[in-house]
Amino acid sequence: MKSKLMYGLAALVLAFGLVLGLSAFKQSAPNKKMYTYWRYNPNTEAGTLSGYNYTKIDAPEEPGCEDENEIPCVIRVDETITSQTALDTYLNNAFTTEDQVIQIAVHTKAEL
C-alpha cells in the first residue's frame, strides 16, 4: 500500500515538473511590427517622392482623407523612419514613380 502511495506521489511530482518545464520554454508571441505615419501636404501628384512634402502624424486616421485614389493622403513606413530626411531617402530608394507611392498609401485624397 505504501509503495502505491509513493508511485502516485512520484507520478504527481513528474507531471508537475513536466508542466513547469514545458511552460518555461513556451514561445513568446512574435514582435508586433510598428509603423510611422506621414501625411502628404500638397494637393498635387507632383512631389509624392519628396519626404519634405510630408508631416509626421500619430495615427493613420486623418481628417481630409476622402480615399479618392488620386494622390496619397497618409503613408505608412517603418518606425525607424522618423525624420523628413529619412523619409526622403526611403521614398527615393524604394520607389521610382509617384504612382507607386499612391499605391502604398493608407489613405488617399483628391487632387485639386
Protein backbone atom coordinates (compact mmCIF):
# COMPACT_ATOMS: atom_id res chain seq x y z
CA MET A 1 0.00 0.00 0.00
CA LYS A 2 2.84 2.31 0.90
CA SER A 3 4.57 1.69 -2.46
CA LYS A 4 1.37 2.61 -4.38
CA LEU A 5 1.29 5.88 -2.50
CA MET A 6 4.95 6.53 -3.33
CA TYR A 7 4.35 5.77 -7.02
CA GLY A 8 1.37 8.10 -7.05
CA LEU A 9 3.34 10.91 -5.44
CA ALA A 10 6.24 10.30 -7.85
CA ALA A 11 3.85 10.50 -10.81
CA LEU A 12 2.35 13.69 -9.44
CA VAL A 13 5.78 15.28 -9.00
CA LEU A 14 6.80 14.17 -12.51
CA ALA A 15 3.61 15.60 -14.03
CA PHE A 16 4.09 18.88 -12.16
CA GLY A 17 7.72 19.04 -13.36
CA LEU A 18 6.65 18.46 -16.96
CA VAL A 19 4.05 21.21 -16.79
CA LEU A 20 6.57 23.69 -15.40
CA GLY A 21 9.28 22.57 -17.78
CA LEU A 22 7.12 22.94 -20.87
CA SER A 23 5.73 26.31 -19.87
CA ALA A 24 9.27 27.63 -19.29
CA PHE A 25 10.09 27.03 -22.96
CA LYS A 26 6.85 28.33 -24.38
CA GLN A 27 7.42 30.51 -27.43
CA SER A 28 6.55 34.12 -26.98
CA ALA A 29 4.36 35.91 -29.48
CA PRO A 30 6.26 37.45 -32.40
CA ASN A 31 7.07 41.13 -32.11
CA LYS A 32 4.36 43.30 -33.49
CA LYS A 33 5.53 45.46 -36.39
CA MET A 34 5.47 49.16 -35.61
CA TYR A 35 4.99 51.93 -38.15
CA THR A 36 5.33 55.68 -38.56
CA TYR A 37 2.59 57.55 -40.39
CA TRP A 38 3.14 60.56 -42.64
CA ARG A 39 0.55 62.96 -44.09
CA TYR A 40 1.17 64.25 -47.61
CA ASN A 41 0.74 68.04 -47.57
CA PRO A 42 0.47 69.23 -51.22
CA ASN A 43 -2.68 68.73 -53.24
CA THR A 44 -0.92 67.64 -56.43
CA GLU A 45 0.67 64.37 -57.52
CA ALA A 46 3.99 66.06 -58.28
CA GLY A 47 6.12 65.78 -55.18
CA THR A 48 5.00 62.49 -53.67
CA LEU A 49 8.58 61.17 -53.83
CA SER A 50 9.89 64.01 -51.65
CA GLY A 51 9.93 63.27 -47.92
CA TYR A 52 9.92 67.03 -47.29
CA ASN A 53 6.31 67.19 -48.52
CA TYR A 54 5.09 65.05 -45.60
CA THR A 55 4.31 65.76 -41.95
CA LYS A 56 4.68 63.06 -39.32
CA ILE A 57 1.37 62.18 -37.63
CA ASP A 58 0.44 59.92 -34.71
CA ALA A 59 -2.25 57.78 -36.32
CA PRO A 60 -3.44 56.93 -39.83
CA GLU A 61 -6.93 58.34 -39.28
CA GLU A 62 -6.52 61.84 -40.61
CA PRO A 63 -9.34 64.27 -41.45
CA GLY A 64 -9.45 65.35 -45.05
CA CYS A 65 -8.62 61.94 -46.49
CA GLU A 66 -11.54 61.12 -48.77
CA ASP A 67 -9.94 57.96 -50.24
CA GLU A 68 -10.35 59.27 -53.79
CA ASN A 69 -7.28 57.32 -55.07
CA GLU A 70 -5.81 60.34 -56.85
CA ILE A 71 -2.91 61.31 -54.58
CA PRO A 72 -1.63 59.97 -51.26
CA CYS A 73 -3.04 61.40 -48.07
CA VAL A 74 -1.33 59.17 -45.47
CA ILE A 75 1.50 56.71 -45.98
CA ARG A 76 2.83 54.12 -43.56
CA VAL A 77 6.54 53.33 -43.24
CA ASP A 78 8.80 51.50 -40.81
CA GLU A 79 9.03 53.02 -37.33
CA THR A 80 12.72 53.77 -37.82
CA ILE A 81 11.89 56.47 -40.38
CA THR A 82 11.33 59.38 -38.03
CA SER A 83 12.55 62.45 -39.95
CA GLN A 84 11.71 64.05 -43.27
CA THR A 85 15.27 63.43 -44.42
CA ALA A 86 14.99 59.70 -43.64
CA LEU A 87 11.59 59.59 -45.35
CA ASP A 88 13.01 61.35 -48.41
CA THR A 89 15.83 58.80 -48.63
CA TYR A 90 13.39 55.91 -48.22
CA LEU A 91 10.95 57.17 -50.86
CA ASN A 92 13.70 57.78 -53.42
CA ASN A 93 15.30 54.37 -52.82
CA ALA A 94 12.09 52.31 -52.66
CA PHE A 95 10.06 53.89 -55.47
CA THR A 96 10.77 55.09 -58.98
CA THR A 97 7.44 56.72 -59.80
CA GLU A 98 4.96 58.86 -57.91
CA ASP A 99 2.20 56.45 -58.89
CA GLN A 100 3.91 53.72 -56.82
CA VAL A 101 3.62 55.91 -53.71
CA ILE A 102 -0.09 56.32 -54.36
CA GLN A 103 -0.44 52.52 -54.49
CA ILE A 104 1.02 52.07 -50.98
CA ALA A 105 -0.93 54.91 -49.37
CA VAL A 106 -3.04 54.00 -46.33
CA HIS A 107 -5.45 56.79 -47.28
CA THR A 108 -5.74 58.89 -50.43
CA LYS A 109 -7.33 62.21 -51.32
CA ALA A 110 -8.50 64.06 -54.39
CA GLU A 111 -6.04 66.15 -56.37
CA LEU A 112 -7.01 69.82 -56.54
